[in-house]
Amino acid sequence: MKIASMKVGFIGLGVMGVPMARHLRAAGHDLALWARRPQAAAELVAEGVPLCATPAELAARSEVVISVVTASADVDALAFGADGLAAGFAPGAIHVDMSTIAPAMARSLAQRYGAQGMGFVDAPVSGGAQGARDASLAIMAGAEADTLERVRPLLQAMGQRIVHVGPPGAGQVAKACNQMIMVSATQACAEALRLANAHGLDLGALRRALMAGSAGSRVLELMGAKMAERDFSAGIEARLHHKDFAIVMDEASALGVPLPLAAQVWQQLNALMGAGWGREDTSSLLRVLER
């Protein structure tokens, strides 16, 4: 069945955003861009994608705008700041935010957009840059059901599994849970490899042995390989996981939910940042243990 073309705006042209935008265009959607730094859009502009002067201008020509930016304040300013998306959207338009932000911010955006007759979907992703390139992202969506169905064809162009986890804000709660598990597993890998190294084991051989057993996991496969090879170049910069864990710990504090393991991993991420490795890979948790 042929999917109807939609007029789509895209904001956030980093290592994940550029391939995500290309998938939307390849699916036949009418794509346009806005970028805080116009040079970030240069590749796609060279391919013929129009670049708008402001978020409001992008919103005015779009049925749906998708954003993938860094933090809650960035999304808030993008949506309701000067020349923001809300100033350009027509009633019925939808903002799909695929950033990782605080659940309370996602709920606030949905409420403010709703008061103006516009829709909002928080749809954070898991899968990293490779998942973005392969269009295999896992997408955790928080939205009203009818709003999500309108944008589902766009999400399907970028991801393999789209799960509606609840109302606005629920996607961000799911992403916080994802980050807790993934980064805590990365810390466990670092500790295991540190112990093995203290015994003089070959870390590559150890990782292959563990991958064949019950310890085998996607985190051990990817992060374990980076640790064993001492390749700390960023897949996803550690500062972003540090930012995500700040959201986790803020939620735990606000709700009185004990997260003892996550709290310890948070301190290891703090040490990583203090060592100046925030723009390197989170596999640098191994180096924190080695210091």
Protein backbone atom coordinates (compact mmCIF):
# COMPACT_ATOMS: atom_id res chain seq x y z
CA MET A 1 0.00 0.00 0.00
CA LYS A 2 1.41 3.36 -1.02
CA ILE A 3 1.79 5.83 1.86
CA ALA A 4 0.47 9.33 1.18
CA SER A 5 3.16 11.98 1.04
CA MET A 6 3.23 14.46 3.91
CA LYS A 7 4.84 17.88 4.25
CA VAL A 8 7.44 17.28 6.95
CA GLY A 9 9.88 19.59 8.70
CA PHE A 10 13.02 18.28 10.39
CA ILE A 11 15.22 19.89 13.06
CA GLY A 12 18.34 18.36 14.60
CA LEU A 13 20.81 17.39 11.91
CA GLY A 14 23.44 15.54 13.92
CA VAL A 15 24.85 12.05 13.40
CA MET A 16 21.38 10.56 13.87
CA GLY A 17 19.25 13.33 12.41
CA VAL A 18 20.78 13.42 8.94
CA PRO A 19 20.10 9.74 8.12
CA MET A 20 16.66 9.94 9.73
CA ALA A 21 15.79 12.91 7.51
CA ARG A 22 17.07 11.05 4.45
CA HIS A 23 14.81 8.08 5.23
CA LEU A 24 11.80 10.39 5.35
CA ARG A 25 12.70 11.85 1.99
CA ALA A 26 13.34 8.41 0.50
CA ALA A 27 9.85 7.39 1.67
CA GLY A 28 8.45 10.14 -0.57
CA HIS A 29 7.70 12.86 1.97
CA ASP A 30 8.09 16.55 1.13
CA LEU A 31 10.96 17.50 3.44
CA ALA A 32 12.24 20.89 4.63
CA LEU A 33 14.73 21.83 7.35
CA TRP A 34 15.68 24.36 9.96
CA ALA A 35 19.09 24.34 11.65
CA ARG A 36 20.48 26.53 14.40
CA ARG A 37 23.82 26.22 12.58
CA PRO A 38 23.11 26.34 8.83
CA GLN A 39 26.30 24.37 8.11
CA ALA A 40 24.70 21.36 9.83
CA ALA A 41 22.15 21.28 7.00
CA ALA A 42 24.70 21.68 4.20
CA GLU A 43 24.66 18.02 3.04
CA LEU A 44 20.90 17.86 2.71
CA VAL A 45 20.62 21.34 1.20
CA ALA A 46 23.15 20.23 -1.44
CA GLU A 47 20.77 17.33 -2.16
CA GLY A 48 17.94 19.78 -2.82
CA VAL A 49 16.16 19.96 0.54
CA PRO A 50 14.98 23.53 1.33
CA LEU A 51 16.24 25.29 4.46
CA CYS A 52 13.87 27.63 6.32
CA ALA A 53 14.98 30.80 8.13
CA THR A 54 13.15 30.15 11.43
CA PRO A 55 11.30 27.31 13.17
CA ALA A 56 8.06 29.27 12.65
CA GLU A 57 8.68 29.39 8.90
CA LEU A 58 9.33 25.64 8.86
CA ALA A 59 6.14 25.00 10.85
CA ALA A 60 4.07 27.15 8.51
CA ARG A 61 4.87 24.87 5.54
CA SER A 62 4.66 21.58 7.45
CA GLU A 63 1.92 19.21 8.58
CA VAL A 64 4.39 17.61 10.98
CA VAL A 65 7.73 18.80 12.36
CA ILE A 66 10.17 16.27 13.81
CA SER A 67 12.92 17.38 16.20
CA VAL A 68 15.96 15.56 17.58
CA VAL A 69 17.85 17.98 19.82
CA THR A 70 19.67 17.76 23.13
CA ALA A 71 17.76 18.87 26.22
CA SER A 72 14.41 19.95 27.65
CA ALA A 73 15.24 23.65 27.42
CA ASP A 74 16.20 23.26 23.75
CA VAL A 75 12.86 21.69 22.87
CA ASP A 76 10.92 24.27 24.89
CA ALA A 77 12.67 27.16 23.12
CA LEU A 78 12.21 25.49 19.74
CA ALA A 79 8.49 25.07 20.32
CA PHE A 80 7.46 28.22 22.19
CA GLY A 81 10.41 30.62 21.97
CA ALA A 82 10.64 33.61 19.64
CA ASP A 83 9.77 32.49 16.08
CA GLY A 84 9.12 29.02 17.50
CA LEU A 85 7.11 26.22 15.95
CA ALA A 86 3.89 27.15 17.76
CA ALA A 87 3.94 30.57 16.09
CA GLY A 88 3.90 28.98 12.63
CA PHE A 89 1.79 25.83 13.00
CA ALA A 90 -1.75 25.74 11.66
CA PRO A 91 -4.40 24.06 13.84
CA GLY A 92 -4.08 20.29 13.48
CA ALA A 93 -0.32 20.31 12.91
CA ILE A 94 1.82 17.96 15.00
CA HIS A 95 5.24 18.29 16.63
CA VAL A 96 7.01 14.94 17.04
CA ASP A 97 9.94 15.31 19.42
CA MET A 98 12.41 12.42 19.28
CA SER A 99 14.87 13.99 21.74
CA THR A 100 15.47 12.61 25.25
CA ILE A 101 13.94 15.13 27.66
CA ALA A 102 12.20 15.22 31.04
CA PRO A 103 8.73 13.62 31.11
CA ALA A 104 7.31 16.76 32.74
CA MET A 105 8.53 18.87 29.82
CA ALA A 106 6.89 16.51 27.33
CA ARG A 107 3.59 16.74 29.23
CA SER A 108 3.85 20.53 29.37
CA LEU A 109 4.48 20.80 25.63
CA ALA A 110 1.50 18.53 24.88
CA GLN A 111 -0.76 20.65 27.10
CA ARG A 112 0.34 23.97 25.57
CA TYR A 113 0.08 22.68 22.01
CA GLY A 114 -3.32 21.16 22.78
CA ALA A 115 -4.61 24.52 23.98
CA GLN A 116 -3.83 25.88 20.50
CA GLY A 117 -5.37 22.96 18.62
CA MET A 118 -2.06 21.27 17.77
CA GLY A 119 -0.74 17.80 18.52
CA PHE A 120 2.40 16.58 20.25
CA VAL A 121 4.16 13.21 20.33
CA ASP A 122 7.19 12.43 22.46
CA ALA A 123 8.97 9.65 20.61
CA PRO A 124 12.50 9.12 21.94
CA VAL A 125 14.58 6.43 20.29
CA SER A 126 17.07 3.71 21.05
CA GLY A 127 19.56 2.29 18.57
CA GLY A 128 22.13 5.05 18.20
CA ALA A 129 23.74 6.26 15.00
CA GLN A 130 23.79 2.78 13.43
CA GLY A 131 20.08 2.36 14.08
CA ALA A 132 19.44 5.75 12.49
CA ARG A 133 21.45 4.77 9.41
CA ASP A 134 19.71 1.40 9.11
CA ALA A 135 16.20 2.78 9.85
CA SER A 136 16.05 0.18 12.64
CA LEU A 137 15.46 2.47 15.62
CA ALA A 138 13.25 1.39 18.51
CA ILE A 139 10.75 4.21 19.06
CA MET A 140 8.95 4.70 22.39
CA ALA A 141 5.92 6.90 21.78
CA GLY A 142 3.91 8.94 24.26
CA ALA A 143 0.80 10.45 22.64
CA GLU A 144 -2.94 10.36 22.25
CA ALA A 145 -3.72 7.34 20.07
CA ASP A 146 -5.24 9.27 17.16
CA THR A 147 -2.30 11.70 17.06
CA LEU A 148 0.19 8.83 16.97
CA GLU A 149 -1.66 7.10 14.13
CA ARG A 150 -1.40 10.22 11.98
CA VAL A 151 2.40 10.24 12.25
CA ARG A 152 2.99 6.48 12.37
CA PRO A 153 4.00 6.30 8.66
CA LEU A 154 6.77 8.82 9.38
CA LEU A 155 8.01 6.83 12.36
CA GLN A 156 7.93 3.63 10.30
CA ALA A 157 10.29 5.25 7.78
CA MET A 158 12.88 5.67 10.55
CA GLY A 159 12.38 2.73 12.89
CA GLN A 160 11.58 -0.98 13.03
CA ARG A 161 9.59 -1.09 16.26
CA ILE A 162 7.16 1.64 17.30
CA VAL A 163 5.53 1.03 20.69
CA HIS A 164 2.77 3.27 22.05
CA VAL A 165 3.62 3.22 25.75
CA GLY A 166 0.99 5.71 26.94
CA PRO A 167 -0.09 9.37 26.91
CA PRO A 168 2.27 12.32 26.35
CA GLY A 169 5.33 11.98 28.60
CA ALA A 170 5.18 8.18 28.69
CA GLY A 171 7.71 7.88 25.89
CA GLN A 172 10.21 9.82 27.97
CA VAL A 173 9.60 7.59 31.00
CA ALA A 174 10.27 4.56 28.81
CA LYS A 175 13.47 6.15 27.50
CA ALA A 176 14.65 6.86 31.06
CA CYS A 177 14.13 3.18 31.87
CA ASN A 178 16.02 2.20 28.71
CA GLN A 179 18.96 4.39 29.63
CA MET A 180 19.07 3.04 33.20
CA ILE A 181 19.35 -0.53 31.95
CA MET A 182 21.75 0.19 29.09
CA VAL A 183 24.25 2.39 30.96
CA SER A 184 24.14 0.20 34.07
CA ALA A 185 24.99 -2.78 31.83
CA THR A 186 27.85 -0.73 30.37
CA GLN A 187 29.15 -0.15 33.91
CA ALA A 188 28.88 -3.90 34.60
CA CYS A 189 30.91 -4.62 31.44
CA ALA A 190 33.55 -2.14 32.55
CA GLU A 191 33.84 -3.77 35.98
CA ALA A 192 34.03 -7.28 34.49
CA LEU A 193 36.77 -6.28 32.04
CA ARG A 194 38.64 -4.45 34.78
CA LEU A 195 38.64 -7.60 36.93
CA ALA A 196 39.71 -9.78 34.00
CA ASN A 197 42.51 -7.37 33.14
CA ALA A 198 43.77 -7.50 36.73
CA HIS A 199 44.14 -11.26 36.22
CA GLY A 200 46.02 -10.73 32.96
CA LEU A 201 43.31 -12.20 30.71
CA ASP A 202 43.01 -11.35 27.04
CA LEU A 203 39.93 -9.11 27.01
CA GLY A 204 38.93 -9.99 23.46
CA ALA A 205 38.92 -13.69 24.30
CA LEU A 206 37.00 -13.03 27.51
CA ARG A 207 34.35 -11.06 25.66
CA ARG A 208 33.92 -13.85 23.09
CA ALA A 209 33.51 -16.36 25.91
CA LEU A 210 30.92 -14.23 27.71
CA MET A 211 28.97 -13.54 24.51
CA ALA A 212 28.41 -17.31 24.14
CA GLY A 213 26.76 -17.56 27.55
CA SER A 214 24.02 -15.99 29.63
CA ALA A 215 26.01 -12.73 29.99
CA GLY A 216 25.76 -12.16 26.25
CA SER A 217 23.99 -8.91 25.37
CA ARG A 218 23.93 -6.08 22.86
CA VAL A 219 25.78 -3.90 25.39
CA LEU A 220 28.55 -6.47 25.85
CA GLU A 221 28.74 -6.93 22.08
CA LEU A 222 29.18 -3.22 21.33
CA MET A 223 30.55 -1.58 24.49
CA GLY A 224 32.61 -4.63 25.45
CA ALA A 225 34.30 -4.54 22.05
CA LYS A 226 35.14 -0.86 22.42
CA MET A 227 36.59 -1.49 25.88
CA ALA A 228 38.58 -4.55 24.79
CA GLU A 229 39.99 -2.63 21.81
CA ARG A 230 40.43 0.57 23.86
CA ASP A 231 38.49 2.47 21.23
CA PHE A 232 36.94 5.31 23.22
CA SER A 233 35.94 7.42 20.21
CA ALA A 234 32.33 8.42 20.56
CA GLY A 235 29.50 6.33 19.20
CA ILE A 236 27.21 8.41 21.40
CA GLU A 237 29.02 10.98 23.49
CA ALA A 238 29.11 10.15 27.20
CA ARG A 239 27.86 13.64 28.08
CA LEU A 240 24.50 12.69 26.59
CA HIS A 241 24.17 9.64 28.83
CA HIS A 242 25.21 11.87 31.74
CA LYS A 243 22.37 14.25 30.78
CA ASP A 244 19.94 11.32 30.55
CA PHE A 245 20.93 10.05 34.00
CA ALA A 246 20.32 13.52 35.41
CA ILE A 247 16.72 13.11 34.20
CA VAL A 248 16.54 9.66 35.80
CA MET A 249 17.80 10.90 39.16
CA ASP A 250 15.57 13.99 39.08
CA GLU A 251 12.55 11.72 38.53
CA ALA A 252 13.64 9.42 41.35
CA SER A 253 14.03 12.37 43.72
CA ALA A 254 10.69 13.92 42.79
CA LEU A 255 8.78 10.66 43.16
CA GLY A 256 10.69 9.20 46.12
CA VAL A 257 11.60 6.10 44.10
CA PRO A 258 14.76 4.32 45.32
CA LEU A 259 17.19 3.57 42.48
CA PRO A 260 20.32 2.37 44.31
CA LEU A 261 22.12 0.85 41.31
CA ALA A 262 21.33 3.80 39.05
CA ALA A 263 22.63 6.17 41.76
CA GLN A 264 25.99 4.39 41.79
CA VAL A 265 26.22 4.47 37.99
CA TRP A 266 25.35 8.19 38.13
CA GLN A 267 28.39 8.77 40.33
CA GLN A 268 30.60 6.89 37.85
CA LEU A 269 29.24 9.10 35.06
CA ASN A 270 30.01 12.15 37.21
CA ALA A 271 33.59 10.90 37.56
CA LEU A 272 33.79 10.35 33.80
CA MET A 273 32.68 13.93 33.17
CA GLY A 274 35.12 15.22 35.78
CA ALA A 275 37.94 13.44 33.96
CA GLY A 276 37.14 15.41 30.81
CA TRP A 277 35.84 12.46 28.74
CA GLY A 278 32.32 13.77 28.15
CA ARG A 279 32.74 14.01 24.38
CA GLU A 280 34.17 10.50 24.16
CA ASP A 281 32.27 7.22 24.34
CA THR A 282 30.49 5.94 27.45
CA SER A 283 32.79 2.90 27.26
CA SER A 284 35.19 5.33 29.00
CA LEU A 285 33.57 4.05 32.21
CA LEU A 286 36.36 1.46 32.04
CA ARG A 287 38.93 4.27 32.29
CA VAL A 288 37.15 5.65 35.36
CA LEU A 289 37.80 2.30 37.08
CA GLU A 290 41.43 2.33 35.95
CA ARG A 291 42.21 5.75 37.39
